[in-house]
């Protein structure tokens, strides 16, 4: 009886050690960047984390959970992150430090970002503007769709693409989505399937 209880204890300890070995606290894959927006416009902050179990992400403004009709939190399909979307922007009430908090049963981590909102008459020279936005397209299934976007500013602005308010991942889609940079920023969607037409 003593030997079997020792074996049971050894197996239980080994099992508990294996459980703790796979659990991990949240670690950010992507943190939100500071942004300057225009009154009446939109701001989107992206936050993504990994961990085991998968962390839950919440957004705070001035230490309190965001809750307003103009604030929308859109979760990634895989649950690894979310986008905080604010529209329309209001000055000065939206200007604040925003916090992305990722937590699971093992731990918690947070990242902060600042939003500045300017009126039209406050825009500095060279502030980015979209000269040509993408047009709504209807494309037959299995065909290629191309969307164009042109922006100007000094220095040249970076362009990010979103689908259903979530960032488009041009590197992890089996080569179906490509972002081309030339005079116009072009998003090419190859062989459109139903998953892209939600």
Protein backbone atom coordinates (compact mmCIF):
# COMPACT_ATOMS: atom_id res chain seq x y z
CA UNK A 1 0.00 0.00 0.00
CA UNK A 2 2.88 2.39 0.72
CA UNK A 3 4.42 1.80 -2.74
CA UNK A 4 1.17 2.48 -4.62
CA UNK A 5 0.54 5.72 -2.72
CA UNK A 6 4.12 6.86 -3.50
CA UNK A 7 3.59 6.03 -7.18
CA UNK A 8 0.30 7.92 -7.14
CA UNK A 9 2.04 10.92 -5.54
CA UNK A 10 4.82 10.82 -8.13
CA UNK A 11 2.31 10.69 -11.00
CA UNK A 12 0.26 13.51 -9.47
CA UNK A 13 3.35 15.71 -9.04
CA UNK A 14 4.47 14.95 -12.61
CA UNK A 15 0.97 15.80 -13.88
CA UNK A 16 0.89 19.09 -11.96
CA UNK A 17 4.37 20.00 -13.21
CA UNK A 18 3.30 19.31 -16.79
CA UNK A 19 0.24 21.53 -16.30
CA UNK A 20 2.28 24.44 -14.99
CA UNK A 21 4.83 23.99 -17.79
CA UNK A 22 2.26 24.77 -20.50
CA UNK A 23 0.60 27.74 -18.79
CA UNK A 24 2.09 31.11 -19.63
CA UNK A 25 1.24 34.72 -18.77
CA UNK A 26 0.10 37.15 -21.46
CA UNK A 27 2.74 38.52 -23.81
CA UNK A 28 2.01 41.22 -26.37
CA UNK A 29 2.36 40.44 -30.07
CA UNK A 30 1.20 43.93 -31.03
CA UNK A 31 0.68 47.05 -28.94
CA UNK A 32 -1.29 50.18 -29.85
CA UNK A 33 0.57 53.16 -31.33
CA UNK A 34 0.04 56.81 -30.40
CA UNK A 35 -2.25 58.54 -32.89
CA UNK A 36 -3.25 62.03 -33.91
CA UNK A 37 -6.71 62.23 -35.47
CA UNK A 38 -8.99 64.90 -36.88
CA UNK A 39 -12.22 65.94 -35.17
CA UNK A 40 -15.09 64.04 -36.79
CA UNK A 41 -12.71 61.36 -38.06
CA UNK A 42 -11.87 57.89 -36.77
CA UNK A 43 -9.08 56.31 -34.72
CA UNK A 44 -8.35 52.57 -34.53
CA UNK A 45 -5.99 51.09 -31.94
CA UNK A 46 -4.81 47.49 -32.31
CA UNK A 47 -3.77 45.22 -29.43
CA UNK A 48 -2.84 41.54 -29.72
CA UNK A 49 -1.48 39.10 -27.12
CA UNK A 50 -0.58 35.45 -26.68
CA UNK A 51 -0.49 33.23 -23.61
CA UNK A 52 -1.92 30.02 -22.19
CA UNK A 53 -4.78 30.20 -21.55
CA UNK A 54 -5.52 32.72 -24.30
CA UNK A 55 -5.59 36.18 -22.67
CA UNK A 56 -8.72 38.32 -22.60
CA UNK A 57 -8.16 41.89 -23.76
CA UNK A 58 -10.01 44.90 -22.35
CA UNK A 59 -9.61 48.61 -23.11
CA UNK A 60 -9.53 51.40 -20.52
CA UNK A 61 -9.67 55.17 -20.80
CA UNK A 62 -8.31 57.10 -17.82
CA UNK A 63 -8.34 53.88 -15.78
CA UNK A 64 -11.98 52.98 -16.53
CA UNK A 65 -13.33 50.46 -19.02
CA UNK A 66 -14.39 52.15 -22.27
CA UNK A 67 -18.16 52.40 -22.58
CA UNK A 68 -19.66 54.82 -25.04
CA UNK A 69 -21.65 54.49 -28.25
CA UNK A 70 -18.75 56.01 -30.19
CA UNK A 71 -16.31 53.44 -28.77
CA UNK A 72 -16.42 50.01 -30.38
CA UNK A 73 -14.25 47.03 -29.47
CA UNK A 74 -13.94 44.51 -32.31
CA UNK A 75 -12.44 41.12 -31.39
CA UNK A 76 -10.12 39.20 -33.71
CA UNK A 77 -11.72 36.05 -35.11
CA UNK A 78 -9.10 33.89 -33.36
CA UNK A 79 -9.55 35.70 -30.02
CA UNK A 80 -5.91 36.83 -29.89
CA UNK A 81 -6.62 40.56 -29.92
CA UNK A 82 -8.99 43.40 -30.55
CA UNK A 83 -9.34 46.80 -32.15
CA UNK A 84 -10.59 49.84 -30.24
CA UNK A 85 -12.38 52.02 -32.79
CA UNK A 86 -13.48 55.55 -31.89
CA UNK A 87 -15.80 57.40 -34.29
CA UNK A 88 -16.52 60.26 -34.63
CA UNK A 89 -13.57 61.76 -32.79
CA UNK A 90 -14.32 64.66 -30.45
CA UNK A 91 -11.89 67.21 -29.06
CA UNK A 92 -11.03 67.57 -26.25
CA UNK A 93 -13.05 64.76 -24.63
CA UNK A 94 -11.48 61.88 -26.59
CA UNK A 95 -7.94 63.10 -25.99
CA UNK A 96 -6.56 60.75 -23.36
CA UNK A 97 -4.26 57.90 -22.49
CA UNK A 98 -5.87 54.59 -23.48
CA UNK A 99 -4.77 51.27 -22.01
CA UNK A 100 -4.92 47.77 -23.46
CA UNK A 101 -4.95 45.13 -20.69
CA UNK A 102 -4.31 41.46 -21.51
CA UNK A 103 -4.99 38.99 -18.69
CA UNK A 104 -5.40 35.28 -18.08
CA UNK A 105 -5.32 33.03 -14.99
CA UNK A 106 -1.50 33.20 -14.92
CA UNK A 107 -0.97 36.96 -15.09
CA UNK A 108 -1.69 40.36 -16.58
CA UNK A 109 0.15 42.91 -18.71
CA UNK A 110 -0.81 46.30 -20.09
CA UNK A 111 0.26 48.81 -22.73
CA UNK A 112 -0.74 52.45 -23.05
CA UNK A 113 -1.19 54.77 -25.99
CA UNK A 114 -2.09 58.43 -26.43
CA UNK A 115 -4.80 59.88 -28.66
CA UNK A 116 -4.57 63.52 -29.75
CA UNK A 117 -7.52 65.04 -31.63
CA UNK A 118 -7.08 68.20 -33.73
CA UNK A 119 -9.64 70.53 -35.27
CA UNK A 120 -9.34 71.14 -39.03
CA UNK A 121 -7.85 74.59 -38.41
CA UNK A 122 -5.11 73.04 -36.22
CA UNK A 123 -3.74 70.60 -38.80
CA UNK A 124 -0.01 71.11 -39.37
CA UNK A 125 1.44 71.35 -42.91
CA UNK A 126 2.01 67.88 -44.36
CA UNK A 127 -0.70 66.21 -42.23
CA UNK A 128 -1.76 62.99 -44.06
CA UNK A 129 -4.85 63.08 -46.26
CA UNK A 130 -6.48 60.33 -48.30
CA UNK A 131 -6.63 61.54 -51.89
CA UNK A 132 -8.38 58.45 -53.24
CA UNK A 133 -10.09 55.86 -51.07
CA UNK A 134 -10.94 52.29 -52.09
CA UNK A 135 -14.21 51.78 -53.96
CA UNK A 136 -16.85 49.18 -53.12
CA UNK A 137 -16.37 46.16 -55.40
CA UNK A 138 -18.50 43.20 -56.34
CA UNK A 139 -16.32 40.41 -57.72
CA UNK A 140 -17.31 36.98 -58.92
CA UNK A 141 -16.11 34.18 -56.67
CA UNK A 142 -12.63 32.83 -57.61
CA UNK A 143 -11.77 36.10 -59.38
CA UNK A 144 -9.21 38.69 -58.30
CA UNK A 145 -10.22 41.97 -56.66
CA UNK A 146 -7.94 45.01 -56.65
CA UNK A 147 -8.51 48.01 -54.40
CA UNK A 148 -6.57 51.26 -54.64
CA UNK A 149 -5.79 53.89 -52.05
CA UNK A 150 -3.76 57.07 -52.47
CA UNK A 151 -2.64 59.29 -49.60
CA UNK A 152 -0.39 62.31 -49.40
CA UNK A 153 1.53 63.99 -46.63
CA UNK A 154 5.02 64.96 -45.56
CA UNK A 155 6.66 62.62 -44.74
CA UNK A 156 4.89 60.05 -46.95
CA UNK A 157 2.17 58.36 -44.88
CA UNK A 158 2.01 54.62 -44.22
CA UNK A 159 -1.26 53.02 -45.29
CA UNK A 160 -2.95 50.24 -43.32
CA UNK A 161 -5.81 48.14 -44.65
CA UNK A 162 -8.77 46.91 -42.58
CA UNK A 163 -11.59 44.46 -43.34
CA UNK A 164 -14.68 44.68 -41.14
CA UNK A 165 -12.66 47.07 -38.93
CA UNK A 166 -9.96 44.43 -38.31
CA UNK A 167 -6.42 44.74 -39.71
CA UNK A 168 -5.74 42.84 -42.93
CA UNK A 169 -2.86 40.41 -42.46
CA UNK A 170 -0.98 40.36 -45.76
CA UNK A 171 1.61 37.85 -44.55
CA UNK A 172 -0.53 35.02 -43.16
CA UNK A 173 -3.18 34.26 -45.79
CA UNK A 174 -1.65 31.65 -48.11
CA UNK A 175 -0.66 34.35 -50.58
CA UNK A 176 -4.27 35.36 -51.29
CA UNK A 177 -3.88 38.97 -50.16
CA UNK A 178 -0.99 41.17 -51.27
CA UNK A 179 -0.23 44.79 -50.55
CA UNK A 180 1.65 46.51 -53.36
CA UNK A 181 3.33 49.86 -52.93
CA UNK A 182 3.80 52.15 -55.88
CA UNK A 183 2.38 55.57 -56.66
CA UNK A 184 -0.87 54.12 -55.34
CA UNK A 185 -1.11 51.71 -52.45
CA UNK A 186 -2.85 48.65 -53.84
CA UNK A 187 -4.50 45.75 -52.05
CA UNK A 188 -4.89 42.69 -54.29
CA UNK A 189 -7.17 39.86 -53.16
CA UNK A 190 -6.56 36.73 -55.21
CA UNK A 191 -9.14 33.97 -55.68
CA UNK A 192 -11.77 35.39 -53.39
CA UNK A 193 -13.50 32.74 -51.27
CA UNK A 194 -16.59 32.98 -49.12
CA UNK A 195 -14.49 33.65 -46.02
CA UNK A 196 -13.46 37.02 -47.47
CA UNK A 197 -17.00 38.00 -48.40
CA UNK A 198 -18.57 37.90 -44.92
